[in-house]
Protein backbone atom coordinates (compact mmCIF):
# COMPACT_ATOMS: atom_id res chain seq x y z
CA MET A 1 25.21 188.92 258.37
CA ASN A 2 27.85 186.46 257.81
CA ILE A 3 28.93 185.35 254.16
CA GLY A 4 27.25 182.13 254.20
CA LYS A 5 23.78 183.80 254.89
CA ARG A 6 24.36 186.51 252.32
CA ILE A 7 25.08 183.58 249.52
CA LEU A 8 21.80 181.71 250.67
CA LYS A 9 19.98 185.23 250.02
CA THR A 10 21.74 185.84 246.79
CA HIS A 11 19.29 185.08 243.64
CA PRO A 12 20.83 182.24 241.59
CA MET A 13 21.36 184.49 238.58
CA THR A 14 23.44 187.13 240.68
CA LEU A 15 25.37 183.86 241.79
CA VAL A 16 26.65 183.18 238.10
CA LEU A 17 27.54 186.68 237.29
CA ILE A 18 29.45 186.76 240.55
CA SER A 19 31.08 183.52 239.86
CA PHE A 20 32.19 184.50 236.28
CA LEU A 21 33.68 187.92 237.25
CA MET A 22 35.53 186.19 240.21
CA VAL A 23 37.16 183.78 238.06
CA ILE A 24 37.94 186.55 235.58
CA ILE A 25 39.77 188.70 238.20
CA LEU A 26 41.72 185.70 239.21
CA GLY A 27 42.55 184.98 235.55
CA ALA A 28 43.73 188.63 235.08
CA ALA A 29 45.95 188.47 238.26
CA ILE A 30 47.65 185.44 236.89
CA LEU A 31 48.11 186.77 233.43
CA MET A 32 50.02 189.59 234.72
CA LEU A 33 52.67 187.35 236.57
CA PRO A 34 56.02 187.56 234.70
CA VAL A 35 55.81 183.80 234.05
CA SER A 36 53.01 184.16 232.01
CA THR A 37 54.06 186.52 229.20
CA ILE A 38 57.43 186.05 226.99
CA SER A 39 58.43 189.88 227.72
CA GLY A 40 57.11 189.49 231.27
CA THR A 41 54.94 192.47 230.86
CA ILE A 42 51.29 192.99 230.10
CA THR A 43 49.03 196.00 231.11
CA TRP A 44 46.31 195.29 233.52
CA LEU A 45 43.59 195.98 230.87
CA ASP A 46 45.07 193.92 228.36
CA ALA A 47 45.32 191.10 230.99
CA LEU A 48 41.76 191.58 231.86
CA PHE A 49 40.38 191.63 228.25
CA THR A 50 42.45 188.50 227.58
CA ALA A 51 40.79 186.82 230.82
CA THR A 52 37.55 188.10 230.08
CA SER A 53 37.53 186.80 226.38
CA ALA A 54 38.72 183.50 227.66
CA VAL A 55 36.12 182.91 230.71
CA CYS A 56 33.52 184.25 228.22
CA VAL A 57 34.72 182.16 225.68
CA THR A 58 34.88 184.69 223.13
CA GLY A 59 38.18 184.42 221.33
CA LEU A 60 38.59 188.18 220.63
CA VAL A 61 42.43 189.24 221.56
CA VAL A 62 44.36 192.34 221.82
CA VAL A 63 47.72 190.45 221.72
CA ASP A 64 48.66 187.17 219.80
CA THR A 65 48.28 184.11 222.23
CA GLY A 66 50.72 182.01 220.61
CA SER A 67 53.59 184.53 220.35
CA TYR A 68 52.77 186.71 223.47
CA PHE A 69 52.31 184.33 226.26
CA THR A 70 54.52 181.70 227.51
CA VAL A 71 53.42 177.85 227.77
CA PHE A 72 52.56 178.74 231.37
CA GLY A 73 50.35 181.79 229.93
CA GLN A 74 48.63 179.75 227.50
CA CYS A 75 47.83 176.77 230.03
CA VAL A 76 46.19 179.53 232.22
CA ILE A 77 44.13 180.78 229.16
CA LEU A 78 43.00 177.44 228.43
CA ALA A 79 41.83 176.37 232.16
CA LEU A 80 39.93 179.74 232.06
CA ILE A 81 38.38 178.62 228.53
CA GLN A 82 37.48 175.15 230.15
CA VAL A 83 35.94 176.98 233.31
CA GLY A 84 34.10 179.21 231.21
CA GLY A 85 32.79 176.94 228.85
CA LEU A 86 31.51 174.45 231.29
CA GLY A 87 30.54 177.17 234.04
CA VAL A 88 32.01 177.79 237.39
CA MET A 89 28.96 176.48 238.93
CA THR A 90 28.62 173.35 236.96
CA ILE A 91 32.25 172.51 237.87
CA SER A 92 31.26 173.64 241.67
CA VAL A 93 28.31 171.29 241.93
CA ALA A 94 30.14 168.50 240.03
CA LEU A 95 33.16 168.69 242.71
CA PHE A 96 30.60 168.56 245.79
CA GLN A 97 28.91 165.71 244.37
CA TRP A 98 32.03 163.85 243.74
CA MET A 99 33.27 164.48 247.29
CA GLY A 100 29.67 163.46 248.93
CA ARG A 101 28.93 167.00 249.82
CA ILE A 102 25.51 168.37 250.25
CA VAL A 103 24.33 170.56 247.27
CA SER A 104 22.27 173.61 248.66
CA PHE A 105 19.06 174.40 247.06
CA ARG A 106 20.34 177.69 245.67
CA TYR A 107 23.00 175.73 243.63
CA ARG A 108 20.14 173.23 242.36
CA MET A 109 18.26 176.44 241.34
CA VAL A 110 21.37 177.57 239.26
CA MET A 111 21.65 174.28 237.51
CA GLN A 112 18.17 174.43 236.90
CA ASP A 113 18.14 177.81 235.22
CA LEU A 114 21.42 176.86 233.07
CA PHE A 115 20.21 173.58 231.59
CA ALA A 116 16.42 173.00 231.87
CA HIS A 117 13.34 174.83 230.79
CA THR A 118 11.19 173.12 233.11
CA PRO A 119 11.96 171.52 236.63
CA ARG A 120 13.57 168.13 236.30
CA GLU A 121 14.23 165.54 239.01
CA ASP A 122 17.67 164.09 237.35
CA ILE A 123 19.49 167.54 237.22
CA PHE A 124 22.47 165.79 239.11
CA GLY A 125 22.31 163.34 236.40
CA LEU A 126 22.36 165.91 233.60
CA VAL A 127 25.62 167.79 235.11
CA LYS A 128 27.22 164.58 235.60
CA ASN A 129 26.71 163.72 231.72
CA ILE A 130 27.74 167.26 230.86
CA ILE A 131 31.04 166.55 232.59
CA LEU A 132 31.56 163.14 231.14
CA PHE A 133 30.64 164.15 227.38
CA THR A 134 32.87 167.27 227.66
CA ILE A 135 35.97 165.33 228.64
CA GLY A 136 35.34 162.32 226.13
CA ALA A 137 34.64 164.53 223.00
CA GLU A 138 37.79 166.98 223.97
CA LEU A 139 39.99 164.01 224.46
CA LEU A 140 38.67 162.35 221.05
CA GLY A 141 39.17 165.71 219.29
CA ALA A 142 42.73 166.25 220.59
CA VAL A 143 43.67 162.71 219.59
CA PHE A 144 42.88 163.33 216.02
CA LEU A 145 44.29 166.96 215.89
CA THR A 146 47.35 165.75 217.56
CA PHE A 147 47.63 163.15 214.57
CA HIS A 148 47.04 166.13 212.25
CA TRP A 149 49.92 168.16 213.74
CA CYS A 150 52.20 165.09 214.01
CA SER A 151 53.37 165.52 210.45
CA GLU A 152 54.52 169.00 211.08
CA LEU A 153 55.56 169.13 214.87
CA PRO A 154 57.47 167.07 217.15
CA PHE A 155 55.05 164.49 219.08
CA SER A 156 55.23 166.76 222.43
CA LYS A 157 54.34 169.91 220.74
CA ALA A 158 51.62 168.38 218.39
CA LEU A 159 49.84 166.89 221.32
CA TYR A 160 50.09 170.06 223.40
CA THR A 161 48.47 172.19 220.10
CA GLY A 162 46.11 169.54 219.83
CA VAL A 163 44.73 169.62 223.24
CA PHE A 164 44.77 173.19 223.52
CA HIS A 165 42.66 173.68 220.16
CA SER A 166 40.36 170.56 220.81
CA VAL A 167 39.15 172.37 224.23
CA SER A 168 39.05 175.85 222.42
CA ALA A 169 36.93 174.40 219.79
CA PHE A 170 34.57 172.42 221.87
CA CYS A 171 34.01 175.43 224.51
CA ASN A 172 33.40 177.53 221.31
CA ALA A 173 36.18 179.69 222.45
CA GLY A 174 38.14 180.52 219.25
CA PHE A 175 41.65 181.00 220.82
CA ALA A 176 44.21 179.78 218.50
CA LEU A 177 48.12 179.45 218.71
CA TYR A 178 48.69 180.64 215.27
CA PRO A 179 48.24 184.51 214.45
CA ASP A 180 46.08 183.64 211.23
CA SER A 181 43.83 181.06 213.48
CA MET A 182 43.44 178.45 210.99
CA THR A 183 43.92 180.03 207.42
CA GLY A 184 47.03 177.82 206.61
CA TYR A 185 44.72 174.80 207.06
CA SER A 186 42.02 175.74 204.92
CA SER A 187 42.37 172.68 202.52
CA SER A 188 43.05 170.00 205.51
CA LEU A 189 39.79 167.84 205.47
CA LEU A 190 40.84 166.19 208.85
CA LEU A 191 41.40 169.31 210.74
CA ASN A 192 38.18 171.28 209.46
CA GLY A 193 36.32 167.90 210.00
CA VAL A 194 37.46 167.75 213.55
CA ILE A 195 37.06 171.54 214.38
CA CYS A 196 33.51 171.87 213.01
CA SER A 197 32.59 168.51 214.68
CA LEU A 198 33.69 169.80 218.01
CA ILE A 199 32.05 173.51 217.39
CA VAL A 200 28.69 171.72 216.62
CA ALA A 201 29.10 169.33 219.45
CA GLY A 202 29.79 172.13 222.06
CA GLY A 203 27.14 174.80 220.68
CA ILE A 204 24.33 172.34 220.04
CA GLY A 205 23.50 172.59 224.05
CA PHE A 206 23.96 170.12 226.78
CA PRO A 207 20.21 169.55 227.28
CA VAL A 208 19.86 168.66 223.71
CA LEU A 209 22.73 166.08 223.82
CA TYR A 210 21.19 164.45 227.13
CA ASP A 211 17.76 164.22 225.41
CA LEU A 212 19.39 162.67 222.28
CA GLN A 213 21.28 160.10 224.72
CA SER A 214 18.09 159.15 226.79
CA TRP A 215 16.08 158.75 223.37
CA ILE A 216 18.48 156.73 221.95
CA ILE A 217 18.75 154.09 225.13
CA LYS A 218 14.94 154.21 225.92
CA ARG A 219 13.47 153.91 222.47
CA LYS A 220 14.46 150.17 222.48
CA ASN A 221 11.95 149.32 225.52
CA LYS A 222 9.24 151.96 225.13
CA ARG A 223 8.02 154.63 223.00
CA VAL A 224 9.67 157.92 223.70
CA ARG A 225 9.70 161.27 221.90
CA LEU A 226 12.48 164.08 221.60
CA LEU A 227 11.63 167.07 223.28
CA ILE A 228 10.48 170.29 221.26
CA GLN A 229 13.80 172.14 222.21
CA THR A 230 15.69 168.94 220.95
CA LYS A 231 13.75 169.39 217.59
CA ALA A 232 13.97 172.99 217.33
CA VAL A 233 17.65 173.16 217.86
CA LEU A 234 18.49 170.24 215.27
CA LEU A 235 16.22 171.67 212.83
CA THR A 236 17.54 175.17 213.11
CA THR A 237 20.90 174.11 213.34
CA ILE A 238 21.22 172.18 210.41
CA PHE A 239 19.13 174.92 208.41
CA LEU A 240 21.77 177.67 209.45
CA ILE A 241 24.87 175.57 208.50
CA ILE A 242 23.40 174.70 205.12
CA SER A 243 22.11 177.90 204.30
CA GLY A 244 24.96 180.02 205.54
CA ALA A 245 27.74 177.65 203.65
CA LEU A 246 25.42 178.22 200.42
CA MET A 247 25.10 181.98 200.69
CA PHE A 248 28.88 182.50 201.33
CA ALA A 249 29.72 179.87 198.57
CA PHE A 250 27.56 182.53 196.45
CA LEU A 251 28.77 185.62 197.56
CA GLU A 252 32.35 184.65 197.76
CA ARG A 253 32.35 182.59 194.41
CA GLN A 254 35.29 184.92 193.04
CA LEU A 255 37.41 183.87 196.47
CA LEU A 256 36.55 180.34 196.06
CA GLY A 257 37.29 180.25 192.50
CA GLU A 258 40.71 180.70 193.55
CA ALA A 259 40.69 177.56 195.75
CA GLN A 260 42.89 174.68 195.03
CA SER A 261 39.58 172.20 194.13
CA ILE A 262 35.89 172.04 194.56
CA SER A 263 36.11 170.31 197.56
CA HIS A 264 38.38 173.13 198.99
CA GLY A 265 35.89 175.84 198.25
CA PHE A 266 33.45 173.53 200.14
CA LEU A 267 35.43 173.18 203.29
CA ILE A 268 35.84 176.92 203.23
CA SER A 269 32.18 177.60 202.92
CA ILE A 270 30.95 174.96 205.48
CA PHE A 271 33.72 176.11 207.89
CA GLN A 272 33.14 179.62 207.94
CA SER A 273 29.11 179.05 208.34
CA ILE A 274 29.76 176.94 211.37
CA THR A 275 32.44 178.84 213.14
CA CYS A 276 30.91 182.27 212.56
CA ARG A 277 28.02 181.37 214.58
CA THR A 278 29.81 181.18 217.98
CA ALA A 279 33.29 179.66 217.47
CA GLY A 280 35.58 182.30 216.14
CA PHE A 281 38.13 180.14 214.08
CA ASN A 282 38.60 181.37 210.55
CA THR A 283 40.30 179.58 207.65
CA VAL A 284 39.90 182.93 205.51
CA ASP A 285 40.91 186.84 206.44
CA ILE A 286 37.88 188.02 207.51
CA ALA A 287 38.57 191.52 206.65
CA SER A 288 38.96 190.74 203.19
CA LEU A 289 35.31 189.53 202.80
CA LYS A 290 32.49 191.32 200.71
CA ASP A 291 30.02 193.75 202.70
CA ALA A 292 27.34 191.21 201.90
CA THR A 293 29.15 188.50 203.40
CA ILE A 294 30.12 190.59 206.58
CA ALA A 295 26.17 191.23 206.82
CA LEU A 296 25.46 187.55 206.46
CA MET A 297 28.22 186.60 209.45
CA ILE A 298 26.68 189.34 211.86
CA PHE A 299 23.28 187.88 211.31
CA LEU A 300 24.54 184.39 211.95
CA MET A 301 26.65 185.55 214.98
CA PHE A 302 23.58 187.20 216.49
CA PHE A 303 21.49 184.36 216.55
CA GLY A 304 24.54 182.18 217.53
CA ALA A 305 24.48 178.69 219.54
CA SER A 306 21.67 176.80 221.60
CA PRO A 307 20.49 177.42 224.89
CA GLY A 308 22.57 175.25 227.75
CA SER A 309 25.74 175.25 225.43
CA CYS A 310 29.28 176.72 225.51
CA GLY A 311 27.98 179.47 222.83
CA GLY A 312 26.59 182.80 223.28
CA GLY A 313 24.09 184.88 221.01
CA VAL A 314 20.23 184.96 221.43
CA LYS A 315 20.32 181.32 220.50
CA THR A 316 18.77 179.09 217.64
CA THR A 317 15.52 178.29 219.44
CA THR A 318 14.76 182.03 219.65
CA LEU A 319 15.15 182.18 215.77
CA ALA A 320 12.61 179.10 215.86
CA LEU A 321 10.46 180.68 218.02
CA LEU A 322 10.12 184.01 216.31
CA THR A 323 9.77 182.01 212.97
CA ALA A 324 6.78 180.25 214.32
CA PHE A 325 5.46 183.43 216.15
CA THR A 326 5.65 185.42 212.56
CA ILE A 327 3.87 182.39 210.84
CA SER A 328 1.13 182.11 213.38
CA ARG A 329 0.27 185.75 213.07
CA ILE A 330 0.24 185.72 209.27
CA ARG A 331 -2.30 182.95 209.65
CA LYS A 332 -4.18 184.79 212.36
CA SER A 333 -3.54 182.41 214.77
CA GLN A 334 -3.61 183.59 218.48
CA ARG A 335 -1.39 180.74 219.63
CA VAL A 336 2.29 180.01 218.70
CA ASN A 337 2.53 176.20 217.63
CA MET A 338 5.61 173.99 217.10
CA PHE A 339 5.88 170.39 216.42
CA SER A 340 1.96 169.81 217.15
CA LYS A 341 2.68 171.59 220.69
CA SER A 342 1.34 175.20 221.75
CA ILE A 343 4.28 177.50 223.19
CA PRO A 344 3.42 179.30 226.44
CA ASN A 345 2.54 183.12 225.82
CA GLU A 346 5.05 183.88 228.56
CA THR A 347 8.00 182.30 226.43
CA VAL A 348 6.95 183.75 223.21
CA THR A 349 7.12 187.37 225.03
CA ARG A 350 10.42 186.42 226.52
CA GLY A 351 11.80 185.70 223.23
CA VAL A 352 10.65 189.11 221.64
CA SER A 353 11.91 190.69 224.80
CA LEU A 354 15.27 189.21 224.32
CA ILE A 355 15.64 190.03 220.58
CA LEU A 356 14.62 193.87 221.59
CA VAL A 357 16.88 194.14 224.51
CA SER A 358 19.87 192.51 222.73
CA PHE A 359 19.04 194.88 219.62
CA GLY A 360 19.35 197.90 222.17
CA ILE A 361 22.42 196.74 224.04
CA ILE A 362 24.12 196.31 220.68
CA CYS A 363 23.07 199.93 219.39
CA LEU A 364 24.16 201.19 222.65
CA VAL A 365 27.89 199.63 222.58
CA LEU A 366 28.19 200.37 218.98
CA PHE A 367 27.52 204.16 219.50
CA MET A 368 29.78 204.15 222.42
CA LEU A 369 32.66 202.83 220.31
CA LEU A 370 31.99 204.93 217.45
CA ALA A 371 31.66 207.97 219.91
CA GLY A 372 34.94 207.00 221.20
CA ASP A 373 36.42 206.90 218.03
CA SER A 374 38.85 204.09 219.46
CA ALA A 375 40.63 202.89 216.63
CA ASP A 376 42.54 204.07 213.36
CA HIS A 377 40.03 204.19 210.67
CA SER A 378 42.54 203.23 208.13
CA LEU A 379 42.85 199.77 209.72
CA THR A 380 39.00 199.00 208.95
CA GLY A 381 39.54 198.79 205.32
CA ALA A 382 37.05 199.11 202.41
CA HIS A 383 34.13 198.19 204.66
CA GLY A 384 34.16 201.38 206.57
CA SER A 385 34.54 201.96 210.33
CA PHE A 386 30.65 201.66 210.77
CA LEU A 387 30.68 198.09 209.56
CA ALA A 388 34.06 196.94 211.49
CA TYR A 389 32.73 198.48 214.78
CA LEU A 390 29.31 196.51 214.16
CA PHE A 391 31.09 193.37 213.34
CA GLU A 392 33.38 193.56 216.34
CA THR A 393 30.38 194.61 218.59
CA VAL A 394 28.12 191.69 217.60
CA SER A 395 31.18 189.29 217.62
CA ALA A 396 31.63 190.11 221.39
CA PHE A 397 27.76 190.07 222.28
CA ALA A 398 27.57 186.67 220.71
CA THR A 399 30.76 185.18 222.14
CA VAL A 400 32.02 184.70 218.71
CA GLY A 401 35.50 186.24 218.53
CA LEU A 402 35.57 186.79 215.05
CA SER A 403 37.50 190.07 213.72
CA MET A 404 37.88 192.49 211.32
CA GLY A 405 41.43 193.41 212.80
CA LEU A 406 39.89 196.29 214.72
CA THR A 407 40.17 194.65 218.27
CA PRO A 408 43.91 195.11 218.84
CA ASP A 409 43.85 198.60 217.94
CA LEU A 410 41.25 199.73 220.57
CA ASN A 411 42.09 201.97 223.00
CA SER A 412 41.07 201.64 226.79
CA TRP A 413 37.55 203.12 226.02
CA GLY A 414 36.92 200.53 223.28
CA LYS A 415 38.37 197.58 225.37
CA CYS A 416 36.30 198.43 228.30
CA TRP A 417 33.13 198.23 226.27
CA ILE A 418 34.00 195.22 224.56
CA ILE A 419 34.88 193.59 227.68
CA ILE A 420 31.43 194.75 229.19
CA MET A 421 29.71 193.24 226.13
CA MET A 422 31.37 189.89 226.35
CA ILE A 423 30.20 189.47 229.91
CA ILE A 424 26.69 190.43 228.91
CA GLY A 425 26.85 187.84 226.27
CA ARG A 426 28.12 185.24 228.29
CA VAL A 427 25.78 185.58 231.24
CA GLY A 428 23.05 186.05 229.01
CA VAL A 429 20.89 189.24 228.34
CA LEU A 430 17.66 188.37 230.34
CA THR A 431 19.87 187.09 233.21
CA PHE A 432 21.78 190.44 233.42
CA ALA A 433 18.54 192.35 232.81
CA TYR A 434 16.72 190.44 235.52
CA ILE A 435 19.88 191.27 238.14
CA VAL A 436 19.56 194.82 237.10
CA VAL A 437 16.21 195.37 237.65
CA GLY A 438 15.05 192.24 239.66
CA THR A 439 13.16 189.28 238.79
CA GLY A 440 9.62 190.42 240.65
CA VAL A 441 6.38 190.48 238.59
CA THR A 442 4.17 193.47 239.13
CA ASN A 443 0.86 193.81 237.57
CA GLY A 444 1.42 197.75 237.78
CA ILE A 445 -1.61 200.34 237.49
CA GLU A 446 -4.21 199.46 235.00
CA TYR A 447 -6.02 202.25 233.09
CA SER A 448 -9.03 202.28 230.76
CA GLU A 449 -7.79 201.44 227.29
CA GLU A 450 -7.14 203.77 224.27
CA ASN A 451 -5.67 202.75 220.77
CA LEU A 452 -3.12 204.35 218.72
CA MET A 453 -1.71 204.00 215.26
CA ILE A 454 1.40 201.64 214.68
CA GLY A 455 3.58 201.77 211.67
């Protein structure tokens, strides 16, 4: 059987995984070239880790991006971030459309699974808008960030720094050219505002942005409504940002008391609330935060961004669905309702399964890291190794990239597990599970019922 026929028979979800793996391997190979690093050398595992982190838009690093890699190596990382953020299949379909080539049914199915919850005829229009919006947002962000860095860097260097961080922020990657991320710019209103705007735009999900665009255009001529997904994403995102910032400000009131002003403390709180859900930039030292704040950030990282976006996590819609599910059970209602619409039971079951499977994967990888004892415990600070390992594991799973300083000191065993975790997080937990166990649905054997005690 030739390669073309094999591809035609490959499930769309498997195609997504294969495309990510191919780009990761290619990226690692290029990063191993002497021209990619200042010293001219990098271990294959560190190159693989960096390429995986870039393609999976995570941001966890084992070597400092700004000082270890040459400009060529940094550009390779930037290209991997862009490809990983948009998705290999998205770029492929856009190129095929641009060249006038016929896009196969398999590719259409991939786009359908990635960016829509129900079949839609205008899937190519959605892909076109994704590409255009991404380019526009990143260019606009680059202009403002270049303006910011022009005050301290030559124009060419400021332009390069602005473009790098604009792409990294919109793709929710969290890669920075500074070893302390954005800690040195915690009081800059311009930088904080631009980075936060790019993170939210990239993490809110392309289907939501497309729906908002359609709603704005069509509502002038006829009555149109936003999709339930759009409403759920917007409401949940606003709630998580505001509540996260308030909780951070309350828990770290002693730290914020040392800030230059009230507005400086506000910027620190809102930046951490936004970035820890999926982006990975930080304006404070994460390892110095209190245990309660770390627990709050783990919660925000776990739910992460929204479906069809550059970010990871189990997604904001899952949190909204579980909240609605809990309320319906408290009210003894059989159906889960949101915004005057009933959610299919299959979707509710899928959401609950996602949480359980994700929890199981995180526990498994956390146990493997602890069992491997892959880092010096003295580096984990006062939080103890367990909390530091848990933070790093959830950060990799949700493709966030925040770190308590443990990642660079992981041994080969730990790095391999974090690499696996980043791939699972980017491809999607349920997608990965379907690839492993298959998508066929069977009724199985049905016996007579007998009850058991729960709780």
